[in-house]
Amino acid sequence: MLELYQMEHCPFCAKVRQVMEELDLDFVSRNMSKGSQKRELLRRLGGKEQVPFLVDTSDQNHVVMLYESNDIINYLRKQYGT
């Protein structure tokens, strides 16, 4: 499963969402607005409250967690591109 932790009006998050849609990927979008208590989850998962943050649990033996929109996009294209 792909989970994207993001904010609606963040241009870096929008860039990642666009690529995910282009690749026709199913994903769960988790909105993490500034000041939200949900941001604690980001800190627990990846160590920072930064978005976008991708969690890919498609391979249970190798869970992938990535920050940085360009790193996420490169990963998605390599992993799921046709």
PDB file of N, CA and C in Angstrom:
ATOM      1  N   MET A   1       0.842  -1.176   0.000  1.00  0.00           N
ATOM      2  CA  MET A   1       0.000   0.000   0.000  1.00  0.00           C
ATOM      3  C   MET A   1       0.892   1.245   0.000  1.00  0.00           C
ATOM      4  N   LEU A   2       0.489   2.222  -0.778  1.00  0.00           N
ATOM      5  CA  LEU A   2       1.188   3.500  -0.825  1.00  0.00           C
ATOM      6  C   LEU A   2       0.411   4.519  -0.001  1.00  0.00           C
ATOM      7  N   GLU A   3       1.123   5.188   0.898  1.00  0.00           N
ATOM      8  CA  GLU A   3       0.528   6.249   1.701  1.00  0.00           C
ATOM      9  C   GLU A   3       1.344   7.513   1.480  1.00  0.00           C
ATOM     10  N   LEU A   4       0.652   8.591   1.140  1.00  0.00           N
ATOM     11  CA  LEU A   4       1.307   9.868   0.947  1.00  0.00           C
ATOM     12  C   LEU A   4       0.835  10.821   2.031  1.00  0.00           C
ATOM     13  N   TYR A   5       1.751  11.218   2.884  1.00  0.00           N
ATOM     14  CA  TYR A   5       1.480  12.212   3.909  1.00  0.00           C
ATOM     15  C   TYR A   5       1.782  13.559   3.268  1.00  0.00           C
ATOM     16  N   GLN A   6       0.777  14.457   3.254  1.00  0.00           N
ATOM     17  CA  GLN A   6       0.912  15.662   2.456  1.00  0.00           C
ATOM     18  C   GLN A   6       0.003  16.770   2.957  1.00  0.00           C
ATOM     19  N   MET A   7       0.165  17.939   2.344  1.00  0.00           N
ATOM     20  CA  MET A   7      -0.727  19.071   2.562  1.00  0.00           C
ATOM     21  C   MET A   7      -1.287  19.469   1.200  1.00  0.00           C
ATOM     22  N   GLU A   8      -2.558  19.767   1.147  1.00  0.00           N
ATOM     23  CA  GLU A   8      -3.238  20.076  -0.113  1.00  0.00           C
ATOM     24  C   GLU A   8      -2.578  21.201  -0.898  1.00  0.00           C
ATOM     25  N   HIS A   9      -2.168  22.265  -0.247  1.00  0.00           N
ATOM     26  CA  HIS A   9      -1.677  23.447  -0.957  1.00  0.00           C
ATOM     27  C   HIS A   9      -0.156  23.510  -1.065  1.00  0.00           C
ATOM     28  N   CYS A  10       0.504  22.421  -0.773  1.00  0.00           N
ATOM     29  CA  CYS A  10       1.956  22.357  -0.872  1.00  0.00           C
ATOM     30  C   CYS A  10       2.342  22.016  -2.320  1.00  0.00           C
ATOM     31  N   PRO A  11       3.131  22.863  -2.990  1.00  0.00           N
ATOM     32  CA  PRO A  11       3.492  22.583  -4.380  1.00  0.00           C
ATOM     33  C   PRO A  11       4.341  21.319  -4.543  1.00  0.00           C
ATOM     34  N   PHE A  12       5.139  20.987  -3.558  1.00  0.00           N
ATOM     35  CA  PHE A  12       5.964  19.776  -3.635  1.00  0.00           C
ATOM     36  C   PHE A  12       5.083  18.523  -3.517  1.00  0.00           C
ATOM     37  N   CYS A  13       4.073  18.602  -2.665  1.00  0.00           N
ATOM     38  CA  CYS A  13       3.121  17.501  -2.522  1.00  0.00           C
ATOM     39  C   CYS A  13       2.298  17.334  -3.793  1.00  0.00           C
ATOM     40  N   ALA A  14       1.893  18.463  -4.385  1.00  0.00           N
ATOM     41  CA  ALA A  14       1.109  18.420  -5.624  1.00  0.00           C
ATOM     42  C   ALA A  14       1.902  17.745  -6.739  1.00  0.00           C
ATOM     43  N   LYS A  15       3.182  18.032  -6.784  1.00  0.00           N
ATOM     44  CA  LYS A  15       4.056  17.430  -7.797  1.00  0.00           C
ATOM     45  C   LYS A  15       4.069  15.906  -7.648  1.00  0.00           C
ATOM     46  N   VAL A  16       4.157  15.422  -6.415  1.00  0.00           N
ATOM     47  CA  VAL A  16       4.157  13.974  -6.157  1.00  0.00           C
ATOM     48  C   VAL A  16       2.797  13.377  -6.509  1.00  0.00           C
ATOM     49  N   ARG A  17       1.716  14.031  -6.090  1.00  0.00           N
ATOM     50  CA  ARG A  17       0.369  13.528  -6.408  1.00  0.00           C
ATOM     51  C   ARG A  17       0.165  13.421  -7.905  1.00  0.00           C
ATOM     52  N   GLN A  18       0.654  14.402  -8.651  1.00  0.00           N
ATOM     53  CA  GLN A  18       0.496  14.393 -10.103  1.00  0.00           C
ATOM     54  C   GLN A  18       1.178  13.172 -10.717  1.00  0.00           C
ATOM     55  N   VAL A  19       2.383  12.863 -10.272  1.00  0.00           N
ATOM     56  CA  VAL A  19       3.099  11.699 -10.802  1.00  0.00           C
ATOM     57  C   VAL A  19       2.381  10.410 -10.403  1.00  0.00           C
ATOM     58  N   MET A  20       1.881  10.358  -9.186  1.00  0.00           N
ATOM     59  CA  MET A  20       1.149   9.156  -8.751  1.00  0.00           C
ATOM     60  C   MET A  20      -0.099   8.945  -9.611  1.00  0.00           C
ATOM     61  N   GLU A  21      -0.770  10.038  -9.962  1.00  0.00           N
ATOM     62  CA  GLU A  21      -1.939   9.944 -10.826  1.00  0.00           C
ATOM     63  C   GLU A  21      -1.534   9.552 -12.247  1.00  0.00           C
ATOM     64  N   GLU A  22      -0.443  10.126 -12.754  1.00  0.00           N
ATOM     65  CA  GLU A  22       0.051   9.772 -14.091  1.00  0.00           C
ATOM     66  C   GLU A  22       0.376   8.287 -14.176  1.00  0.00           C
ATOM     67  N   LEU A  23       0.930   7.745 -13.102  1.00  0.00           N
ATOM     68  CA  LEU A  23       1.289   6.318 -13.064  1.00  0.00           C
ATOM     69  C   LEU A  23       0.093   5.439 -12.720  1.00  0.00           C
ATOM     70  N   ASP A  24      -1.071   6.061 -12.514  1.00  0.00           N
ATOM     71  CA  ASP A  24      -2.321   5.362 -12.198  1.00  0.00           C
ATOM     72  C   ASP A  24      -2.179   4.484 -10.948  1.00  0.00           C
ATOM     73  N   LEU A  25      -1.547   5.063  -9.929  1.00  0.00           N
ATOM     74  CA  LEU A  25      -1.321   4.324  -8.684  1.00  0.00           C
ATOM     75  C   LEU A  25      -2.460   4.553  -7.702  1.00  0.00           C
ATOM     76  N   ASP A  26      -2.843   3.503  -7.022  1.00  0.00           N
ATOM     77  CA  ASP A  26      -3.771   3.626  -5.911  1.00  0.00           C
ATOM     78  C   ASP A  26      -2.960   4.014  -4.688  1.00  0.00           C
ATOM     79  N   PHE A  27      -3.418   5.028  -3.981  1.00  0.00           N
ATOM     80  CA  PHE A  27      -2.694   5.448  -2.789  1.00  0.00           C
ATOM     81  C   PHE A  27      -3.655   6.091  -1.801  1.00  0.00           C
ATOM     82  N   VAL A  28      -3.247   6.085  -0.556  1.00  0.00           N
ATOM     83  CA  VAL A  28      -3.990   6.758   0.504  1.00  0.00           C
ATOM     84  C   VAL A  28      -3.297   8.087   0.747  1.00  0.00           C
ATOM     85  N   SER A  29      -4.079   9.150   0.719  1.00  0.00           N
ATOM     86  CA  SER A  29      -3.554  10.478   0.979  1.00  0.00           C
ATOM     87  C   SER A  29      -3.907  10.865   2.407  1.00  0.00           C
ATOM     88  N   ARG A  30      -2.905  11.231   3.171  1.00  0.00           N
ATOM     89  CA  ARG A  30      -3.114  11.624   4.560  1.00  0.00           C
ATOM     90  C   ARG A  30      -2.735  13.100   4.704  1.00  0.00           C
ATOM     91  N   ASN A  31      -3.742  13.923   4.917  1.00  0.00           N
ATOM     92  CA  ASN A  31      -3.512  15.362   5.041  1.00  0.00           C
ATOM     93  C   ASN A  31      -2.937  15.688   6.409  1.00  0.00           C
ATOM     94  N   MET A  32      -1.859  16.447   6.397  1.00  0.00           N
ATOM     95  CA  MET A  32      -1.140  16.819   7.613  1.00  0.00           C
ATOM     96  C   MET A  32      -1.008  18.339   7.673  1.00  0.00           C
ATOM     97  N   SER A  33      -2.086  19.012   8.002  1.00  0.00           N
ATOM     98  CA  SER A  33      -2.040  20.472   8.045  1.00  0.00           C
ATOM     99  C   SER A  33      -1.125  20.954   9.163  1.00  0.00           C
ATOM    100  N   LYS A  34      -0.587  22.144   8.967  1.00  0.00           N
ATOM    101  CA  LYS A  34       0.314  22.729   9.974  1.00  0.00           C
ATOM    102  C   LYS A  34      -0.425  22.875  11.292  1.00  0.00           C
ATOM    103  N   GLY A  35       0.244  22.531  12.366  1.00  0.00           N
ATOM    104  CA  GLY A  35      -0.336  22.643  13.690  1.00  0.00           C
ATOM    105  C   GLY A  35      -1.202  21.468  14.099  1.00  0.00           C
ATOM    106  N   SER A  36      -1.439  20.543  13.179  1.00  0.00           N
ATOM    107  CA  SER A  36      -2.272  19.382  13.479  1.00  0.00           C
ATOM    108  C   SER A  36      -1.542  18.418  14.408  1.00  0.00           C
ATOM    109  N   GLN A  37      -2.283  17.824  15.318  1.00  0.00           N
ATOM    110  CA  GLN A  37      -1.693  16.812  16.196  1.00  0.00           C
ATOM    111  C   GLN A  37      -1.280  15.570  15.414  1.00  0.00           C
ATOM    112  N   LYS A  38      -1.836  15.385  14.219  1.00  0.00           N
ATOM    113  CA  LYS A  38      -1.470  14.237  13.382  1.00  0.00           C
ATOM    114  C   LYS A  38      -0.005  14.294  12.957  1.00  0.00           C
ATOM    115  N   ARG A  39       0.582  15.470  13.028  1.00  0.00           N
ATOM    116  CA  ARG A  39       1.992  15.595  12.626  1.00  0.00           C
ATOM    117  C   ARG A  39       2.927  14.806  13.537  1.00  0.00           C
ATOM    118  N   GLU A  40       2.481  14.502  14.721  1.00  0.00           N
ATOM    119  CA  GLU A  40       3.280  13.661  15.627  1.00  0.00           C
ATOM    120  C   GLU A  40       3.521  12.295  14.982  1.00  0.00           C
ATOM    121  N   LEU A  41       2.543  11.804  14.229  1.00  0.00           N
ATOM    122  CA  LEU A  41       2.696  10.536  13.515  1.00  0.00           C
ATOM    123  C   LEU A  41       3.860  10.617  12.532  1.00  0.00           C
ATOM    124  N   LEU A  42       3.978  11.727  11.827  1.00  0.00           N
ATOM    125  CA  LEU A  42       5.108  11.909  10.915  1.00  0.00           C
ATOM    126  C   LEU A  42       6.434  11.807  11.651  1.00  0.00           C
ATOM    127  N   ARG A  43       6.503  12.456  12.790  1.00  0.00           N
ATOM    128  CA  ARG A  43       7.744  12.434  13.575  1.00  0.00           C
ATOM    129  C   ARG A  43       8.057  11.016  14.043  1.00  0.00           C
ATOM    130  N   ARG A  44       7.040  10.280  14.450  1.00  0.00           N
ATOM    131  CA  ARG A  44       7.267   8.900  14.896  1.00  0.00           C
ATOM    132  C   ARG A  44       7.702   7.999  13.742  1.00  0.00           C
ATOM    133  N   LEU A  45       7.100   8.184  12.576  1.00  0.00           N
ATOM    134  CA  LEU A  45       7.422   7.333  11.424  1.00  0.00           C
ATOM    135  C   LEU A  45       8.791   7.624  10.836  1.00  0.00           C
ATOM    136  N   GLY A  46       9.053   8.904  10.553  1.00  0.00           N
ATOM    137  CA  GLY A  46      10.256   9.238   9.809  1.00  0.00           C
ATOM    138  C   GLY A  46      11.234  10.154  10.502  1.00  0.00           C
ATOM    139  N   GLY A  47      10.856  10.671  11.663  1.00  0.00           N
ATOM    140  CA  GLY A  47      11.778  11.517  12.399  1.00  0.00           C
ATOM    141  C   GLY A  47      11.608  13.008  12.173  1.00  0.00           C
ATOM    142  N   LYS A  48      10.779  13.390  11.185  1.00  0.00           N
ATOM    143  CA  LYS A  48      10.555  14.809  10.883  1.00  0.00           C
ATOM    144  C   LYS A  48       9.066  15.042  10.651  1.00  0.00           C
ATOM    145  N   GLU A  49       8.657  16.296  10.723  1.00  0.00           N
ATOM    146  CA  GLU A  49       7.276  16.660  10.409  1.00  0.00           C
ATOM    147  C   GLU A  49       7.156  17.169   8.978  1.00  0.00           C
ATOM    148  N   GLN A  50       8.059  16.814   8.149  1.00  0.00           N
ATOM    149  CA  GLN A  50       8.139  17.317   6.773  1.00  0.00           C
ATOM    150  C   GLN A  50       7.201  16.546   5.847  1.00  0.00           C
ATOM    151  N   VAL A  51       6.586  17.283   4.915  1.00  0.00           N
ATOM    152  CA  VAL A  51       5.811  16.672   3.843  1.00  0.00           C
ATOM    153  C   VAL A  51       6.367  17.172   2.515  1.00  0.00           C
ATOM    154  N   PRO A  52       6.252  16.397   1.443  1.00  0.00           N
ATOM    155  CA  PRO A  52       5.615  15.100   1.355  1.00  0.00           C
ATOM    156  C   PRO A  52       6.470  14.001   1.979  1.00  0.00           C
ATOM    157  N   PHE A  53       5.772  12.971   2.418  1.00  0.00           N
ATOM    158  CA  PHE A  53       6.414  11.795   3.007  1.00  0.00           C
ATOM    159  C   PHE A  53       5.678  10.581   2.474  1.00  0.00           C
ATOM    160  N   LEU A  54       6.396   9.683   1.828  1.00  0.00           N
ATOM    161  CA  LEU A  54       5.801   8.484   1.234  1.00  0.00           C
ATOM    162  C   LEU A  54       6.171   7.268   2.061  1.00  0.00           C
ATOM    163  N   VAL A  55       5.166   6.421   2.301  1.00  0.00           N
ATOM    164  CA  VAL A  55       5.390   5.123   2.926  1.00  0.00           C
ATOM    165  C   VAL A  55       4.852   4.077   1.956  1.00  0.00           C
ATOM    166  N   ASP A  56       5.713   3.161   1.549  1.00  0.00           N
ATOM    167  CA  ASP A  56       5.328   2.082   0.637  1.00  0.00           C
ATOM    168  C   ASP A  56       5.485   0.758   1.367  1.00  0.00           C
ATOM    169  N   THR A  57       4.356   0.142   1.672  1.00  0.00           N
ATOM    170  CA  THR A  57       4.367  -1.152   2.359  1.00  0.00           C
ATOM    171  C   THR A  57       3.962  -2.278   1.413  1.00  0.00           C
ATOM    172  N   SER A  58       4.119  -2.059   0.112  1.00  0.00           N
ATOM    173  CA  SER A  58       3.749  -3.075  -0.879  1.00  0.00           C
ATOM    174  C   SER A  58       4.536  -4.362  -0.692  1.00  0.00           C
ATOM    175  N   ASP A  59       5.782  -4.252  -0.293  1.00  0.00           N
ATOM    176  CA  ASP A  59       6.629  -5.407   0.008  1.00  0.00           C
ATOM    177  C   ASP A  59       6.854  -5.414   1.519  1.00  0.00           C
ATOM    178  N   GLN A  60       6.167  -6.310   2.212  1.00  0.00           N
ATOM    179  CA  GLN A  60       6.241  -6.352   3.672  1.00  0.00           C
ATOM    180  C   GLN A  60       7.648  -6.619   4.190  1.00  0.00           C
ATOM    181  N   ASN A  61       8.500  -7.198   3.354  1.00  0.00           N
ATOM    182  CA  ASN A  61       9.884  -7.462   3.763  1.00  0.00           C
ATOM    183  C   ASN A  61      10.787  -6.245   3.580  1.00  0.00           C
ATOM    184  N   HIS A  62      10.281  -5.237   2.874  1.00  0.00           N
ATOM    185  CA  HIS A  62      11.098  -4.047   2.599  1.00  0.00           C
ATOM    186  C   HIS A  62      10.193  -2.818   2.539  1.00  0.00           C
ATOM    187  N   VAL A  63       9.909  -2.235   3.686  1.00  0.00           N
ATOM    188  CA  VAL A  63       9.084  -1.034   3.745  1.00  0.00           C
ATOM    189  C   VAL A  63       9.959   0.162   3.379  1.00  0.00           C
ATOM    190  N   VAL A  64       9.444   0.992   2.480  1.00  0.00           N
ATOM    191  CA  VAL A  64      10.178   2.168   2.005  1.00  0.00           C
ATOM    192  C   VAL A  64       9.519   3.418   2.583  1.00  0.00           C
ATOM    193  N   MET A  65      10.337   4.305   3.150  1.00  0.00           N
ATOM    194  CA  MET A  65       9.868   5.591   3.659  1.00  0.00           C
ATOM    195  C   MET A  65      10.779   6.666   3.098  1.00  0.00           C
ATOM    196  N   LEU A  66      10.168   7.648   2.430  1.00  0.00           N
ATOM    197  CA  LEU A  66      10.953   8.682   1.761  1.00  0.00           C
ATOM    198  C   LEU A  66      10.385  10.078   1.995  1.00  0.00           C
ATOM    199  N   TYR A  67      11.274  11.030   2.195  1.00  0.00           N
ATOM    200  CA  TYR A  67      10.970  12.456   2.158  1.00  0.00           C
ATOM    201  C   TYR A  67      11.502  12.987   0.834  1.00  0.00           C
ATOM    202  N   GLU A  68      11.251  14.255   0.579  1.00  0.00           N
ATOM    203  CA  GLU A  68      11.751  14.990  -0.588  1.00  0.00           C
ATOM    204  C   GLU A  68      11.010  14.574  -1.864  1.00  0.00           C
ATOM    205  N   SER A  69      10.318  15.515  -2.461  1.00  0.00           N
ATOM    206  CA  SER A  69       9.473  15.227  -3.618  1.00  0.00           C
ATOM    207  C   SER A  69      10.240  14.584  -4.773  1.00  0.00           C
ATOM    208  N   ASN A  70      11.422  15.080  -5.089  1.00  0.00           N
ATOM    209  CA  ASN A  70      12.171  14.496  -6.211  1.00  0.00           C
ATOM    210  C   ASN A  70      12.607  13.071  -5.918  1.00  0.00           C
ATOM    211  N   ASP A  71      13.005  12.783  -4.692  1.00  0.00           N
ATOM    212  CA  ASP A  71      13.375  11.413  -4.318  1.00  0.00           C
ATOM    213  C   ASP A  71      12.161  10.490  -4.414  1.00  0.00           C
ATOM    214  N   ILE A  72      11.012  10.974  -3.968  1.00  0.00           N
ATOM    215  CA  ILE A  72       9.783  10.179  -4.029  1.00  0.00           C
ATOM    216  C   ILE A  72       9.412   9.900  -5.487  1.00  0.00           C
ATOM    217  N   ILE A  73       9.470  10.932  -6.317  1.00  0.00           N
ATOM    218  CA  ILE A  73       9.115  10.773  -7.731  1.00  0.00           C
ATOM    219  C   ILE A  73      10.061   9.803  -8.425  1.00  0.00           C
ATOM    220  N   ASN A  74      11.356   9.929  -8.184  1.00  0.00           N
ATOM    221  CA  ASN A  74      12.320   9.001  -8.789  1.00  0.00           C
ATOM    222  C   ASN A  74      12.035   7.566  -8.360  1.00  0.00           C
ATOM    223  N   TYR A  75      11.742   7.369  -7.092  1.00  0.00           N
ATOM    224  CA  TYR A  75      11.411   6.033  -6.584  1.00  0.00           C
ATOM    225  C   TYR A  75      10.158   5.494  -7.274  1.00  0.00           C
ATOM    226  N   LEU A  76       9.101   6.308  -7.336  1.00  0.00           N
ATOM    227  CA  LEU A  76       7.839   5.849  -7.938  1.00  0.00           C
ATOM    228  C   LEU A  76       8.017   5.489  -9.402  1.00  0.00           C
ATOM    229  N   ARG A  77       8.737   6.314 -10.128  1.00  0.00           N
ATOM    230  CA  ARG A  77       8.962   6.020 -11.568  1.00  0.00           C
ATOM    231  C   ARG A  77       9.776   4.725 -11.736  1.00  0.00           C
ATOM    232  N   LYS A  78      10.777   4.550 -10.907  1.00  0.00           N
ATOM    233  CA  LYS A  78      11.608   3.338 -10.999  1.00  0.00           C
ATOM    234  C   LYS A  78      10.810   2.097 -10.580  1.00  0.00           C
ATOM    235  N   GLN A  79      10.067   2.214  -9.515  1.00  0.00           N
ATOM    236  CA  GLN A  79       9.350   1.061  -8.949  1.00  0.00           C
ATOM    237  C   GLN A  79       8.073   0.721  -9.723  1.00  0.00           C
ATOM    238  N   TYR A  80       7.339   1.733 -10.175  1.00  0.00           N
ATOM    239  CA  TYR A  80       6.005   1.518 -10.726  1.00  0.00           C
ATOM    240  C   TYR A  80       5.819   2.024 -12.148  1.00  0.00           C
ATOM    241  N   GLY A  81       6.845   2.631 -12.729  1.00  0.00           N
ATOM    242  CA  GLY A  81       6.741   3.136 -14.095  1.00  0.00           C
ATOM    243  C   GLY A  81       6.652   1.992 -15.088  1.00  0.00           C
ATOM    244  N   THR A  82       6.096   2.298 -16.246  1.00  0.00           N
ATOM    245  CA  THR A  82       5.961   1.253 -17.270  1.00  0.00           C
ATOM    246  C   THR A  82       6.971   1.430 -18.371  1.00  0.00           C
TER     247      THR A  82
END
